[in-house]
Amino acid sequence: MRKYSIKRGHKPDLNALIKKYFGVEGNVEEGVEFEAEGIGKVYMKKEGNAILVDIIPPEKVTGDYAVLKKWNDFLFEATGRTAKERKKLMEKETMGK
């Protein structure tokens, strides 16, 4: 399970973003589970100022760049952080532990 913190002052409508990117409706506050092409089974829940994401990869993995771009675009809109910023934050958190 991975935790993505939401940038201070960024107030995304996560339910609308999930519908926009993955075509799934649900309540992120309670937890949403869905299947995303190229990503696998995704469980997502908002806890405080962070999004918890658990992914079970598919049996057959495709290396399509469009899937990665779609996921990164979703995370950017959801957290307000670029892939580079998320990587730096993750490294900082793991070094601190």
PDB file of N, CA and C in Angstrom:
ATOM      1  N   MET A   1       0.851  -1.170   0.000  1.00  0.00           N
ATOM      2  CA  MET A   1       0.000   0.000   0.000  1.00  0.00           C
ATOM      3  C   MET A   1       0.896   1.232   0.000  1.00  0.00           C
ATOM      4  N   ARG A   2       0.531   2.187  -0.810  1.00  0.00           N
ATOM      5  CA  ARG A   2       1.309   3.416  -0.926  1.00  0.00           C
ATOM      6  C   ARG A   2       0.462   4.604  -0.486  1.00  0.00           C
ATOM      7  N   LYS A   3       1.115   5.549   0.161  1.00  0.00           N
ATOM      8  CA  LYS A   3       0.428   6.739   0.663  1.00  0.00           C
ATOM      9  C   LYS A   3       0.937   7.956  -0.106  1.00  0.00           C
ATOM     10  N   TYR A   4       0.002   8.669  -0.744  1.00  0.00           N
ATOM     11  CA  TYR A   4       0.332   9.888  -1.477  1.00  0.00           C
ATOM     12  C   TYR A   4      -0.248  11.070  -0.718  1.00  0.00           C
ATOM     13  N   SER A   5       0.624  11.956  -0.227  1.00  0.00           N
ATOM     14  CA  SER A   5       0.116  13.129   0.489  1.00  0.00           C
ATOM     15  C   SER A   5      -0.361  14.175  -0.514  1.00  0.00           C
ATOM     16  N   ILE A   6      -1.403  14.895  -0.118  1.00  0.00           N
ATOM     17  CA  ILE A   6      -1.966  15.942  -0.968  1.00  0.00           C
ATOM     18  C   ILE A   6      -1.304  17.261  -0.592  1.00  0.00           C
ATOM     19  N   LYS A   7      -0.857  17.983  -1.601  1.00  0.00           N
ATOM     20  CA  LYS A   7      -0.178  19.262  -1.399  1.00  0.00           C
ATOM     21  C   LYS A   7      -1.068  20.232  -0.618  1.00  0.00           C
ATOM     22  N   ARG A   8      -0.461  20.962   0.296  1.00  0.00           N
ATOM     23  CA  ARG A   8      -1.195  21.927   1.108  1.00  0.00           C
ATOM     24  C   ARG A   8      -1.920  22.942   0.219  1.00  0.00           C
ATOM     25  N   GLY A   9      -3.187  23.178   0.518  1.00  0.00           N
ATOM     26  CA  GLY A   9      -3.979  24.128  -0.252  1.00  0.00           C
ATOM     27  C   GLY A   9      -4.645  23.530  -1.484  1.00  0.00           C
ATOM     28  N   HIS A  10      -4.253  22.303  -1.852  1.00  0.00           N
ATOM     29  CA  HIS A  10      -4.837  21.638  -3.020  1.00  0.00           C
ATOM     30  C   HIS A  10      -6.072  20.868  -2.560  1.00  0.00           C
ATOM     31  N   LYS A  11      -7.219  21.173  -3.144  1.00  0.00           N
ATOM     32  CA  LYS A  11      -8.487  20.550  -2.732  1.00  0.00           C
ATOM     33  C   LYS A  11      -9.148  19.869  -3.938  1.00  0.00           C
ATOM     34  N   PRO A  12      -8.668  18.686  -4.310  1.00  0.00           N
ATOM     35  CA  PRO A  12      -9.238  18.012  -5.480  1.00  0.00           C
ATOM     36  C   PRO A  12     -10.562  17.311  -5.155  1.00  0.00           C
ATOM     37  N   ASP A  13     -11.406  17.162  -6.164  1.00  0.00           N
ATOM     38  CA  ASP A  13     -12.612  16.344  -6.043  1.00  0.00           C
ATOM     39  C   ASP A  13     -12.211  14.954  -6.538  1.00  0.00           C
ATOM     40  N   LEU A  14     -11.781  14.105  -5.613  1.00  0.00           N
ATOM     41  CA  LEU A  14     -11.245  12.798  -5.985  1.00  0.00           C
ATOM     42  C   LEU A  14     -12.276  11.916  -6.679  1.00  0.00           C
ATOM     43  N   ASN A  15     -13.523  11.984  -6.239  1.00  0.00           N
ATOM     44  CA  ASN A  15     -14.564  11.172  -6.877  1.00  0.00           C
ATOM     45  C   ASN A  15     -14.714  11.550  -8.350  1.00  0.00           C
ATOM     46  N   ALA A  16     -14.686  12.840  -8.652  1.00  0.00           N
ATOM     47  CA  ALA A  16     -14.792  13.302 -10.041  1.00  0.00           C
ATOM     48  C   ALA A  16     -13.557  12.892 -10.846  1.00  0.00           C
ATOM     49  N   LEU A  17     -12.380  12.938 -10.225  1.00  0.00           N
ATOM     50  CA  LEU A  17     -11.149  12.548 -10.926  1.00  0.00           C
ATOM     51  C   LEU A  17     -11.148  11.060 -11.264  1.00  0.00           C
ATOM     52  N   ILE A  18     -11.621  10.231 -10.334  1.00  0.00           N
ATOM     53  CA  ILE A  18     -11.675   8.787 -10.594  1.00  0.00           C
ATOM     54  C   ILE A  18     -12.644   8.503 -11.739  1.00  0.00           C
ATOM     55  N   LYS A  19     -13.751   9.216 -11.748  1.00  0.00           N
ATOM     56  CA  LYS A  19     -14.720   9.033 -12.839  1.00  0.00           C
ATOM     57  C   LYS A  19     -14.121   9.505 -14.166  1.00  0.00           C
ATOM     58  N   LYS A  20     -13.416  10.637 -14.141  1.00  0.00           N
ATOM     59  CA  LYS A  20     -12.816  11.201 -15.355  1.00  0.00           C
ATOM     60  C   LYS A  20     -11.755  10.269 -15.949  1.00  0.00           C
ATOM     61  N   TYR A  21     -10.874   9.734 -15.109  1.00  0.00           N
ATOM     62  CA  TYR A  21      -9.754   8.935 -15.607  1.00  0.00           C
ATOM     63  C   TYR A  21     -10.071   7.451 -15.779  1.00  0.00           C
ATOM     64  N   PHE A  22     -10.928   6.900 -14.898  1.00  0.00           N
ATOM     65  CA  PHE A  22     -11.152   5.456 -14.916  1.00  0.00           C
ATOM     66  C   PHE A  22     -12.606   5.053 -15.166  1.00  0.00           C
ATOM     67  N   GLY A  23     -13.513   6.039 -15.247  1.00  0.00           N
ATOM     68  CA  GLY A  23     -14.912   5.737 -15.525  1.00  0.00           C
ATOM     69  C   GLY A  23     -15.623   5.000 -14.404  1.00  0.00           C
ATOM     70  N   VAL A  24     -15.172   5.213 -13.169  1.00  0.00           N
ATOM     71  CA  VAL A  24     -15.731   4.512 -12.010  1.00  0.00           C
ATOM     72  C   VAL A  24     -16.334   5.521 -11.044  1.00  0.00           C
ATOM     73  N   GLU A  25     -17.483   5.170 -10.492  1.00  0.00           N
ATOM     74  CA  GLU A  25     -18.104   6.034  -9.489  1.00  0.00           C
ATOM     75  C   GLU A  25     -17.994   5.371  -8.126  1.00  0.00           C
ATOM     76  N   GLY A  26     -17.830   6.191  -7.108  1.00  0.00           N
ATOM     77  CA  GLY A  26     -17.743   5.679  -5.749  1.00  0.00           C
ATOM     78  C   GLY A  26     -17.396   6.804  -4.803  1.00  0.00           C
ATOM     79  N   ASN A  27     -17.261   6.459  -3.539  1.00  0.00           N
ATOM     80  CA  ASN A  27     -16.923   7.443  -2.522  1.00  0.00           C
ATOM     81  C   ASN A  27     -15.523   7.151  -1.992  1.00  0.00           C
ATOM     82  N   VAL A  28     -14.581   8.002  -2.299  1.00  0.00           N
ATOM     83  CA  VAL A  28     -13.190   7.802  -1.904  1.00  0.00           C
ATOM     84  C   VAL A  28     -13.029   7.884  -0.387  1.00  0.00           C
ATOM     85  N   GLU A  29     -13.894   8.624   0.278  1.00  0.00           N
ATOM     86  CA  GLU A  29     -13.823   8.735   1.740  1.00  0.00           C
ATOM     87  C   GLU A  29     -14.034   7.361   2.385  1.00  0.00           C
ATOM     88  N   GLU A  30     -14.912   6.541   1.794  1.00  0.00           N
ATOM     89  CA  GLU A  30     -15.202   5.206   2.320  1.00  0.00           C
ATOM     90  C   GLU A  30     -14.298   4.147   1.705  1.00  0.00           C
ATOM     91  N   GLY A  31     -13.709   4.445   0.571  1.00  0.00           N
ATOM     92  CA  GLY A  31     -12.854   3.498  -0.136  1.00  0.00           C
ATOM     93  C   GLY A  31     -13.508   3.055  -1.432  1.00  0.00           C
ATOM     94  N   VAL A  32     -12.739   3.039  -2.496  1.00  0.00           N
ATOM     95  CA  VAL A  32     -13.228   2.655  -3.819  1.00  0.00           C
ATOM     96  C   VAL A  32     -12.325   1.558  -4.354  1.00  0.00           C
ATOM     97  N   GLU A  33     -12.944   0.520  -4.919  1.00  0.00           N
ATOM     98  CA  GLU A  33     -12.180  -0.554  -5.537  1.00  0.00           C
ATOM     99  C   GLU A  33     -12.626  -0.671  -6.988  1.00  0.00           C
ATOM    100  N   PHE A  34     -11.649  -0.731  -7.899  1.00  0.00           N
ATOM    101  CA  PHE A  34     -11.977  -0.828  -9.321  1.00  0.00           C
ATOM    102  C   PHE A  34     -10.825  -1.464 -10.075  1.00  0.00           C
ATOM    103  N   GLU A  35     -11.111  -1.850 -11.307  1.00  0.00           N
ATOM    104  CA  GLU A  35     -10.119  -2.449 -12.198  1.00  0.00           C
ATOM    105  C   GLU A  35      -9.712  -1.398 -13.224  1.00  0.00           C
ATOM    106  N   ALA A  36      -8.418  -1.173 -13.373  1.00  0.00           N
ATOM    107  CA  ALA A  36      -7.920  -0.203 -14.343  1.00  0.00           C
ATOM    108  C   ALA A  36      -7.041  -0.926 -15.359  1.00  0.00           C
ATOM    109  N   GLU A  37      -7.313  -0.699 -16.627  1.00  0.00           N
ATOM    110  CA  GLU A  37      -6.575  -1.363 -17.693  1.00  0.00           C
ATOM    111  C   GLU A  37      -5.087  -1.032 -17.615  1.00  0.00           C
ATOM    112  N   GLY A  38      -4.266  -2.079 -17.616  1.00  0.00           N
ATOM    113  CA  GLY A  38      -2.822  -1.899 -17.570  1.00  0.00           C
ATOM    114  C   GLY A  38      -2.267  -1.666 -16.177  1.00  0.00           C
ATOM    115  N   ILE A  39      -3.130  -1.385 -15.205  1.00  0.00           N
ATOM    116  CA  ILE A  39      -2.677  -1.124 -13.833  1.00  0.00           C
ATOM    117  C   ILE A  39      -3.041  -2.294 -12.931  1.00  0.00           C
ATOM    118  N   GLY A  40      -4.261  -2.801 -13.064  1.00  0.00           N
ATOM    119  CA  GLY A  40      -4.727  -3.921 -12.264  1.00  0.00           C
ATOM    120  C   GLY A  40      -5.867  -3.514 -11.350  1.00  0.00           C
ATOM    121  N   LYS A  41      -6.040  -4.285 -10.265  1.00  0.00           N
ATOM    122  CA  LYS A  41      -7.080  -3.960  -9.287  1.00  0.00           C
ATOM    123  C   LYS A  41      -6.559  -2.862  -8.379  1.00  0.00           C
ATOM    124  N   VAL A  42      -7.341  -1.811  -8.253  1.00  0.00           N
ATOM    125  CA  VAL A  42      -6.924  -0.646  -7.475  1.00  0.00           C
ATOM    126  C   VAL A  42      -7.910  -0.424  -6.336  1.00  0.00           C
ATOM    127  N   TYR A  43      -7.373  -0.267  -5.127  1.00  0.00           N
ATOM    128  CA  TYR A  43      -8.188   0.133  -3.980  1.00  0.00           C
ATOM    129  C   TYR A  43      -7.664   1.498  -3.550  1.00  0.00           C
ATOM    130  N   MET A  44      -8.574   2.460  -3.425  1.00  0.00           N
ATOM    131  CA  MET A  44      -8.172   3.823  -3.099  1.00  0.00           C
ATOM    132  C   MET A  44      -9.060   4.370  -1.994  1.00  0.00           C
ATOM    133  N   LYS A  45      -8.429   5.029  -1.018  1.00  0.00           N
ATOM    134  CA  LYS A  45      -9.177   5.627   0.085  1.00  0.00           C
ATOM    135  C   LYS A  45      -8.480   6.906   0.514  1.00  0.00           C
ATOM    136  N   LYS A  46      -9.285   7.922   0.827  1.00  0.00           N
ATOM    137  CA  LYS A  46      -8.727   9.184   1.316  1.00  0.00           C
ATOM    138  C   LYS A  46      -8.719   9.137   2.833  1.00  0.00           C
ATOM    139  N   GLU A  47      -7.558   9.402   3.411  1.00  0.00           N
ATOM    140  CA  GLU A  47      -7.409   9.448   4.863  1.00  0.00           C
ATOM    141  C   GLU A  47      -6.727  10.750   5.226  1.00  0.00           C
ATOM    142  N   GLY A  48      -7.472  11.644   5.843  1.00  0.00           N
ATOM    143  CA  GLY A  48      -6.907  12.936   6.211  1.00  0.00           C
ATOM    144  C   GLY A  48      -6.473  13.701   4.983  1.00  0.00           C
ATOM    145  N   ASN A  49      -5.187  14.056   4.949  1.00  0.00           N
ATOM    146  CA  ASN A  49      -4.642  14.813   3.827  1.00  0.00           C
ATOM    147  C   ASN A  49      -3.791  13.916   2.927  1.00  0.00           C
ATOM    148  N   ALA A  50      -4.212  12.660   2.781  1.00  0.00           N
ATOM    149  CA  ALA A  50      -3.457  11.720   1.958  1.00  0.00           C
ATOM    150  C   ALA A  50      -4.404  10.743   1.268  1.00  0.00           C
ATOM    151  N   ILE A  51      -3.899  10.129   0.220  1.00  0.00           N
ATOM    152  CA  ILE A  51      -4.642   9.104  -0.505  1.00  0.00           C
ATOM    153  C   ILE A  51      -3.875   7.799  -0.330  1.00  0.00           C
ATOM    154  N   LEU A  52      -4.558   6.773   0.163  1.00  0.00           N
ATOM    155  CA  LEU A  52      -3.961   5.450   0.280  1.00  0.00           C
ATOM    156  C   LEU A  52      -4.339   4.656  -0.962  1.00  0.00           C
ATOM    157  N   VAL A  53      -3.337   4.054  -1.606  1.00  0.00           N
ATOM    158  CA  VAL A  53      -3.577   3.304  -2.840  1.00  0.00           C
ATOM    159  C   VAL A  53      -2.938   1.932  -2.716  1.00  0.00           C
ATOM    160  N   ASP A  54      -3.738   0.903  -2.975  1.00  0.00           N
ATOM    161  CA  ASP A  54      -3.236  -0.465  -2.990  1.00  0.00           C
ATOM    162  C   ASP A  54      -3.532  -1.034  -4.373  1.00  0.00           C
ATOM    163  N   ILE A  55      -2.511  -1.588  -5.021  1.00  0.00           N
ATOM    164  CA  ILE A  55      -2.665  -2.097  -6.383  1.00  0.00           C
ATOM    165  C   ILE A  55      -2.253  -3.559  -6.441  1.00  0.00           C
ATOM    166  N   ILE A  56      -3.106  -4.375  -7.056  1.00  0.00           N
ATOM    167  CA  ILE A  56      -2.764  -5.761  -7.361  1.00  0.00           C
ATOM    168  C   ILE A  56      -2.581  -5.801  -8.871  1.00  0.00           C
ATOM    169  N   PRO A  57      -1.336  -5.996  -9.337  1.00  0.00           N
ATOM    170  CA  PRO A  57      -1.071  -5.926 -10.778  1.00  0.00           C
ATOM    171  C   PRO A  57      -1.780  -7.039 -11.554  1.00  0.00           C
ATOM    172  N   PRO A  58      -2.040  -6.793 -12.843  1.00  0.00           N
ATOM    173  CA  PRO A  58      -2.698  -7.814 -13.671  1.00  0.00           C
ATOM    174  C   PRO A  58      -1.739  -8.962 -13.977  1.00  0.00           C
ATOM    175  N   GLU A  59      -2.315 -10.089 -14.417  1.00  0.00           N
ATOM    176  CA  GLU A  59      -1.501 -11.255 -14.790  1.00  0.00           C
ATOM    177  C   GLU A  59      -0.551 -10.899 -15.931  1.00  0.00           C
ATOM    178  N   LYS A  60      -1.105 -10.231 -16.955  1.00  0.00           N
ATOM    179  CA  LYS A  60      -0.302  -9.850 -18.118  1.00  0.00           C
ATOM    180  C   LYS A  60      -0.068  -8.345 -18.064  1.00  0.00           C
ATOM    181  N   VAL A  61       1.166  -7.959 -17.905  1.00  0.00           N
ATOM    182  CA  VAL A  61       1.506  -6.543 -17.804  1.00  0.00           C
ATOM    183  C   VAL A  61       1.858  -6.006 -19.185  1.00  0.00           C
ATOM    184  N   THR A  62       1.260  -4.872 -19.531  1.00  0.00           N
ATOM    185  CA  THR A  62       1.593  -4.224 -20.796  1.00  0.00           C
ATOM    186  C   THR A  62       2.455  -3.008 -20.498  1.00  0.00           C
ATOM    187  N   GLY A  63       3.445  -2.785 -21.310  1.00  0.00           N
ATOM    188  CA  GLY A  63       4.354  -1.664 -21.104  1.00  0.00           C
ATOM    189  C   GLY A  63       3.937  -0.433 -21.880  1.00  0.00           C
ATOM    190  N   ASP A  64       2.650  -0.212 -22.004  1.00  0.00           N
ATOM    191  CA  ASP A  64       2.149   0.911 -22.787  1.00  0.00           C
ATOM    192  C   ASP A  64       2.390   2.227 -22.050  1.00  0.00           C
ATOM    193  N   TYR A  65       3.016   3.166 -22.724  1.00  0.00           N
ATOM    194  CA  TYR A  65       3.325   4.470 -22.131  1.00  0.00           C
ATOM    195  C   TYR A  65       2.054   5.231 -21.768  1.00  0.00           C
ATOM    196  N   ALA A  66       0.989   5.044 -22.539  1.00  0.00           N
ATOM    197  CA  ALA A  66      -0.271   5.765 -22.295  1.00  0.00           C
ATOM    198  C   ALA A  66      -0.846   5.433 -20.919  1.00  0.00           C
ATOM    199  N   VAL A  67      -0.670   4.183 -20.469  1.00  0.00           N
ATOM    200  CA  VAL A  67      -1.170   3.772 -19.150  1.00  0.00           C
ATOM    201  C   VAL A  67      -0.423   4.525 -18.057  1.00  0.00           C
ATOM    202  N   LEU A  68       0.890   4.586 -18.175  1.00  0.00           N
ATOM    203  CA  LEU A  68       1.709   5.294 -17.190  1.00  0.00           C
ATOM    204  C   LEU A  68       1.393   6.786 -17.184  1.00  0.00           C
ATOM    205  N   LYS A  69       1.236   7.364 -18.353  1.00  0.00           N
ATOM    206  CA  LYS A  69       0.908   8.792 -18.447  1.00  0.00           C
ATOM    207  C   LYS A  69      -0.444   9.081 -17.807  1.00  0.00           C
ATOM    208  N   LYS A  70      -1.427   8.225 -18.082  1.00  0.00           N
ATOM    209  CA  LYS A  70      -2.762   8.397 -17.496  1.00  0.00           C
ATOM    210  C   LYS A  70      -2.693   8.335 -15.968  1.00  0.00           C
ATOM    211  N   TRP A  71      -1.944   7.380 -15.420  1.00  0.00           N
ATOM    212  CA  TRP A  71      -1.802   7.231 -13.969  1.00  0.00           C
ATOM    213  C   TRP A  71      -1.102   8.456 -13.370  1.00  0.00           C
ATOM    214  N   ASN A  72      -0.014   8.897 -13.999  1.00  0.00           N
ATOM    215  CA  ASN A  72       0.705  10.073 -13.493  1.00  0.00           C
ATOM    216  C   ASN A  72      -0.135  11.344 -13.584  1.00  0.00           C
ATOM    217  N   ASP A  73      -0.899  11.486 -14.660  1.00  0.00           N
ATOM    218  CA  ASP A  73      -1.789  12.647 -14.790  1.00  0.00           C
ATOM    219  C   ASP A  73      -2.848  12.634 -13.689  1.00  0.00           C
ATOM    220  N   PHE A  74      -3.398  11.441 -13.418  1.00  0.00           N
ATOM    221  CA  PHE A  74      -4.386  11.313 -12.340  1.00  0.00           C
ATOM    222  C   PHE A  74      -3.762  11.710 -11.001  1.00  0.00           C
ATOM    223  N   LEU A  75      -2.583  11.162 -10.698  1.00  0.00           N
ATOM    224  CA  LEU A  75      -1.932  11.472  -9.416  1.00  0.00           C
ATOM    225  C   LEU A  75      -1.569  12.951  -9.308  1.00  0.00           C
ATOM    226  N   PHE A  76      -1.183  13.575 -10.424  1.00  0.00           N
ATOM    227  CA  PHE A  76      -0.875  15.005 -10.393  1.00  0.00           C
ATOM    228  C   PHE A  76      -2.115  15.812 -10.029  1.00  0.00           C
ATOM    229  N   GLU A  77      -3.240  15.504 -10.681  1.00  0.00           N
ATOM    230  CA  GLU A  77      -4.473  16.240 -10.378  1.00  0.00           C
ATOM    231  C   GLU A  77      -4.981  15.929  -8.971  1.00  0.00           C
ATOM    232  N   ALA A  78      -4.767  14.700  -8.504  1.00  0.00           N
ATOM    233  CA  ALA A  78      -5.268  14.292  -7.190  1.00  0.00           C
ATOM    234  C   ALA A  78      -4.426  14.854  -6.047  1.00  0.00           C
ATOM    235  N   THR A  79      -3.099  14.929  -6.240  1.00  0.00           N
ATOM    236  CA  THR A  79      -2.217  15.347  -5.144  1.00  0.00           C
ATOM    237  C   THR A  79      -1.655  16.751  -5.308  1.00  0.00           C
ATOM    238  N   GLY A  80      -1.653  17.266  -6.532  1.00  0.00           N
ATOM    239  CA  GLY A  80      -1.057  18.573  -6.783  1.00  0.00           C
ATOM    240  C   GLY A  80       0.458  18.500  -6.883  1.00  0.00           C
ATOM    241  N   ARG A  81       0.999  17.285  -6.971  1.00  0.00           N
ATOM    242  CA  ARG A  81       2.453  17.089  -7.055  1.00  0.00           C
ATOM    243  C   ARG A  81       2.811  16.349  -8.349  1.00  0.00           C
ATOM    244  N   THR A  82       3.928  16.745  -8.960  1.00  0.00           N
ATOM    245  CA  THR A  82       4.410  16.060 -10.157  1.00  0.00           C
ATOM    246  C   THR A  82       5.053  14.741  -9.747  1.00  0.00           C
ATOM    247  N   ALA A  83       5.359  13.895 -10.730  1.00  0.00           N
ATOM    248  CA  ALA A  83       6.010  12.614 -10.451  1.00  0.00           C
ATOM    249  C   ALA A  83       7.356  12.850  -9.764  1.00  0.00           C
ATOM    250  N   LYS A  84       8.071  13.872 -10.196  1.00  0.00           N
ATOM    251  CA  LYS A  84       9.371  14.193  -9.602  1.00  0.00           C
ATOM    252  C   LYS A  84       9.208  14.612  -8.137  1.00  0.00           C
ATOM    253  N   GLU A  85       8.198  15.438  -7.853  1.00  0.00           N
ATOM    254  CA  GLU A  85       7.948  15.868  -6.471  1.00  0.00           C
ATOM    255  C   GLU A  85       7.528  14.688  -5.596  1.00  0.00           C
ATOM    256  N   ARG A  86       6.689  13.788  -6.146  1.00  0.00           N
ATOM    257  CA  ARG A  86       6.255  12.610  -5.382  1.00  0.00           C
ATOM    258  C   ARG A  86       7.435  11.703  -5.081  1.00  0.00           C
ATOM    259  N   LYS A  87       8.349  11.559  -6.045  1.00  0.00           N
ATOM    260  CA  LYS A  87       9.534  10.719  -5.843  1.00  0.00           C
ATOM    261  C   LYS A  87      10.416  11.300  -4.741  1.00  0.00           C
ATOM    262  N   LYS A  88      10.664  12.606  -4.787  1.00  0.00           N
ATOM    263  CA  LYS A  88      11.493  13.259  -3.764  1.00  0.00           C
ATOM    264  C   LYS A  88      10.886  13.092  -2.378  1.00  0.00           C
ATOM    265  N   LEU A  89       9.573  13.280  -2.284  1.00  0.00           N
ATOM    266  CA  LEU A  89       8.880  13.153  -1.010  1.00  0.00           C
ATOM    267  C   LEU A  89       8.960  11.722  -0.486  1.00  0.00           C
ATOM    268  N   MET A  90       8.800  10.737  -1.380  1.00  0.00           N
ATOM    269  CA  MET A  90       8.875   9.337  -0.985  1.00  0.00           C
ATOM    270  C   MET A  90      10.284   8.996  -0.489  1.00  0.00           C
ATOM    271  N   GLU A  91      11.310   9.481  -1.186  1.00  0.00           N
ATOM    272  CA  GLU A  91      12.689   9.241  -0.758  1.00  0.00           C
ATOM    273  C   GLU A  91      12.951   9.867   0.602  1.00  0.00           C
ATOM    274  N   LYS A  92      12.447  11.075   0.796  1.00  0.00           N
ATOM    275  CA  LYS A  92      12.626  11.781   2.062  1.00  0.00           C
ATOM    276  C   LYS A  92      11.965  11.011   3.211  1.00  0.00           C
ATOM    277  N   GLU A  93      10.762  10.490   2.965  1.00  0.00           N
ATOM    278  CA  GLU A  93      10.036   9.741   3.992  1.00  0.00           C
ATOM    279  C   GLU A  93      10.727   8.427   4.322  1.00  0.00           C
ATOM    280  N   THR A  94      11.273   7.726   3.312  1.00  0.00           N
ATOM    281  CA  THR A  94      11.926   6.449   3.575  1.00  0.00           C
ATOM    282  C   THR A  94      13.279   6.641   4.249  1.00  0.00           C
ATOM    283  N   MET A  95      13.967   7.724   3.953  1.00  0.00           N
ATOM    284  CA  MET A  95      15.251   8.002   4.603  1.00  0.00           C
ATOM    285  C   MET A  95      15.056   8.385   6.065  1.00  0.00           C
ATOM    286  N   GLY A  96      13.931   9.013   6.360  1.00  0.00           N
ATOM    287  CA  GLY A  96      13.647   9.449   7.721  1.00  0.00           C
ATOM    288  C   GLY A  96      13.281   8.307   8.650  1.00  0.00           C
ATOM    289  N   LYS A  97      12.929   7.154   8.086  1.00  0.00           N
ATOM    290  CA  LYS A  97      12.503   6.011   8.915  1.00  0.00           C
ATOM    291  C   LYS A  97      13.649   5.113   9.254  1.00  0.00           C
TER     292      LYS A  97
END
